[in-house]
Amino acid sequence: MKNDNLDKYLATFETHALCADIDMNNHTNLRTFALGLPRSLANACIKMENPETYKQWRATVQRQQKIYLKTKLLHSEYGTFNTNCTQGQGQRQTSGWVWCRPGSNNPGSNNQNWRRPGNRTQPP
C-alpha cells in the first residue's frame, strides 16, 4: 500500500486474486494481504478485531484506516507560526483555532482565548 491509498490497494489485491483464481480466505493469501499493509495498520487490525477471513480483514482495515486518517487530520493542523498572537505568544499551527494568552495585545482581544484566523473571536 502506498501513500495511505487503501482503496487502490484493495482494488489491486482483489483484481490480482480474481485473475489468479486464488482462495482469498487461504491463510497464506491473507498473510500476503496483511504484509502489503503498513505494519502499524496491520497490527492495529489484529489487536482490535483479529480478522480471520478476507471479508473481515477488508472491513477491519477500512475501519482502522478511517481512524488513522481522522487522527492524522486532527494533528496535521499544527506546524506553522500563527501571526495573530503577539510576538512570543504564537503557537505552531497551520489552520483552525489558535491559542492566545488572555489580555494579549491583540486588537479587540476582550480577554478571549480562542481566535479564528483574521482575529475573529469564536468560542472553542
Protein backbone atom coordinates (compact mmCIF):
# COMPACT_ATOMS: atom_id res chain seq x y z
CA MET A 1 0.00 0.00 0.00
CA LYS A 2 1.38 3.41 -0.96
CA ASN A 3 0.52 6.94 0.17
CA ASP A 4 -2.33 5.91 2.52
CA ASN A 5 -4.32 4.82 -0.55
CA LEU A 6 -6.20 1.84 0.86
CA ASP A 7 -8.86 1.79 -1.87
CA LYS A 8 -6.25 1.34 -4.58
CA TYR A 9 -4.51 -1.40 -2.59
CA LEU A 10 -7.78 -3.29 -2.05
CA ALA A 11 -8.77 -2.98 -5.70
CA THR A 12 -5.36 -4.12 -6.91
CA PHE A 13 -5.23 -7.06 -4.50
CA GLU A 14 -8.75 -8.20 -5.37
CA THR A 15 -8.11 -7.85 -9.12
CA HIS A 16 -4.95 -9.94 -8.93
CA ALA A 17 -6.66 -12.52 -6.71
CA LEU A 18 -9.55 -12.87 -9.15
CA CYS A 19 -7.23 -13.11 -12.16
CA ALA A 20 -5.14 -15.76 -10.42
CA ASP A 21 -8.29 -17.55 -9.22
CA ILE A 22 -6.97 -17.92 -5.67
CA ASP A 23 -8.88 -18.52 -2.44
CA MET A 24 -8.69 -15.16 -0.69
CA ASN A 25 -9.52 -16.80 2.67
CA ASN A 26 -6.47 -19.07 2.49
CA HIS A 27 -4.16 -18.18 5.39
CA THR A 28 -1.17 -17.75 3.07
CA ASN A 29 -3.11 -15.29 0.90
CA LEU A 30 -4.40 -13.43 3.97
CA ARG A 31 -0.81 -13.17 5.20
CA THR A 32 0.24 -11.79 1.81
CA PHE A 33 -2.59 -9.25 2.00
CA ALA A 34 -1.60 -8.18 5.53
CA LEU A 35 2.10 -7.92 4.64
CA GLY A 36 1.21 -5.42 1.92
CA LEU A 37 -0.32 -3.08 4.50
CA PRO A 38 1.70 -0.66 6.61
CA ARG A 39 2.87 -2.58 9.68
CA SER A 40 1.06 -0.28 12.13
CA LEU A 41 -2.23 -0.70 10.24
CA ALA A 42 -1.96 -4.49 10.11
CA ASN A 43 -1.05 -4.61 13.80
CA ALA A 44 -4.00 -2.38 14.73
CA CYS A 45 -6.35 -4.67 12.80
CA ILE A 46 -5.09 -7.76 14.60
CA LYS A 47 -5.12 -6.13 18.04
CA MET A 48 -8.58 -4.60 17.67
CA GLU A 49 -10.57 -7.24 15.81
CA ASN A 50 -8.33 -10.23 14.93
CA PRO A 51 -9.87 -10.87 11.49
CA GLU A 52 -9.91 -14.44 10.18
CA THR A 53 -11.38 -14.09 6.67
CA TYR A 54 -10.71 -11.72 3.79
CA LYS A 55 -14.11 -10.09 4.28
CA GLN A 56 -13.27 -9.45 7.95
CA TRP A 57 -9.79 -8.16 7.04
CA ARG A 58 -11.25 -5.79 4.47
CA ALA A 59 -13.83 -4.36 6.89
CA THR A 60 -11.33 -4.11 9.73
CA VAL A 61 -8.62 -2.45 7.66
CA GLN A 62 -11.13 0.08 6.31
CA ARG A 63 -12.26 0.99 9.84
CA GLN A 64 -8.69 1.27 11.14
CA GLN A 65 -7.60 3.34 8.15
CA LYS A 66 -10.51 5.72 8.73
CA ILE A 67 -9.44 6.16 12.35
CA TYR A 68 -5.84 6.73 11.27
CA LEU A 69 -6.84 9.36 8.70
CA LYS A 70 -9.02 11.20 11.23
CA THR A 71 -6.14 11.22 13.70
CA LYS A 72 -3.72 12.37 11.01
CA LEU A 73 -6.09 15.19 10.02
CA LEU A 74 -6.53 16.28 13.63
CA HIS A 75 -2.79 16.53 14.22
CA SER A 76 -1.96 18.00 10.81
CA GLU A 77 -3.32 21.39 11.85
CA TYR A 78 -0.17 22.06 13.85
CA GLY A 79 3.10 23.14 12.33
CA THR A 80 3.44 26.77 11.15
CA PHE A 81 3.70 30.01 13.08
CA ASN A 82 0.49 31.96 13.57
CA THR A 83 0.92 35.76 13.43
CA ASN A 84 -2.47 36.56 15.02
CA CYS A 85 -0.95 36.42 18.51
CA THR A 86 1.54 38.98 19.78
CA GLN A 87 5.22 38.22 19.33
CA GLY A 88 6.39 35.34 21.50
CA GLN A 89 2.86 34.10 22.16
CA GLY A 90 2.05 32.43 18.84
CA GLN A 91 1.60 28.69 18.63
CA ARG A 92 2.61 26.38 15.78
CA GLN A 93 -0.46 25.70 13.72
CA THR A 94 -1.39 25.74 10.03
CA SER A 95 -5.10 26.49 10.27
CA GLY A 96 -8.14 26.37 12.52
CA TRP A 97 -8.18 27.55 16.11
CA VAL A 98 -5.18 29.25 17.68
CA TRP A 99 -4.40 29.89 21.32
CA CYS A 100 -3.56 33.41 22.53
CA ARG A 101 -2.91 34.37 26.13
CA PRO A 102 -5.66 36.31 27.91
CA GLY A 103 -5.05 40.04 27.86
CA SER A 104 -2.60 39.85 24.99
CA ASN A 105 -2.02 42.91 22.85
CA ASN A 106 -4.19 41.60 20.05
CA PRO A 107 -6.56 44.24 18.71
CA GLY A 108 -10.05 43.58 20.02
CA SER A 109 -8.73 40.99 22.48
CA ASN A 110 -11.50 41.24 25.10
CA ASN A 111 -9.55 38.57 27.02
CA GLN A 112 -10.89 35.89 24.68
CA ASN A 113 -8.51 32.95 24.46
CA TRP A 114 -9.66 31.43 21.18
CA ARG A 115 -9.25 33.24 17.88
CA ARG A 116 -10.02 32.28 14.32
CA PRO A 117 -7.62 33.38 11.56
CA GLY A 118 -8.29 37.06 10.91
CA ASN A 119 -8.62 37.75 14.64
CA ARG A 120 -12.36 36.99 14.83
CA THR A 121 -13.46 35.87 18.27
CA GLN A 122 -15.11 32.44 18.29
CA PRO A 123 -15.79 30.02 21.14
CA PRO A 124 -13.73 26.83 21.26
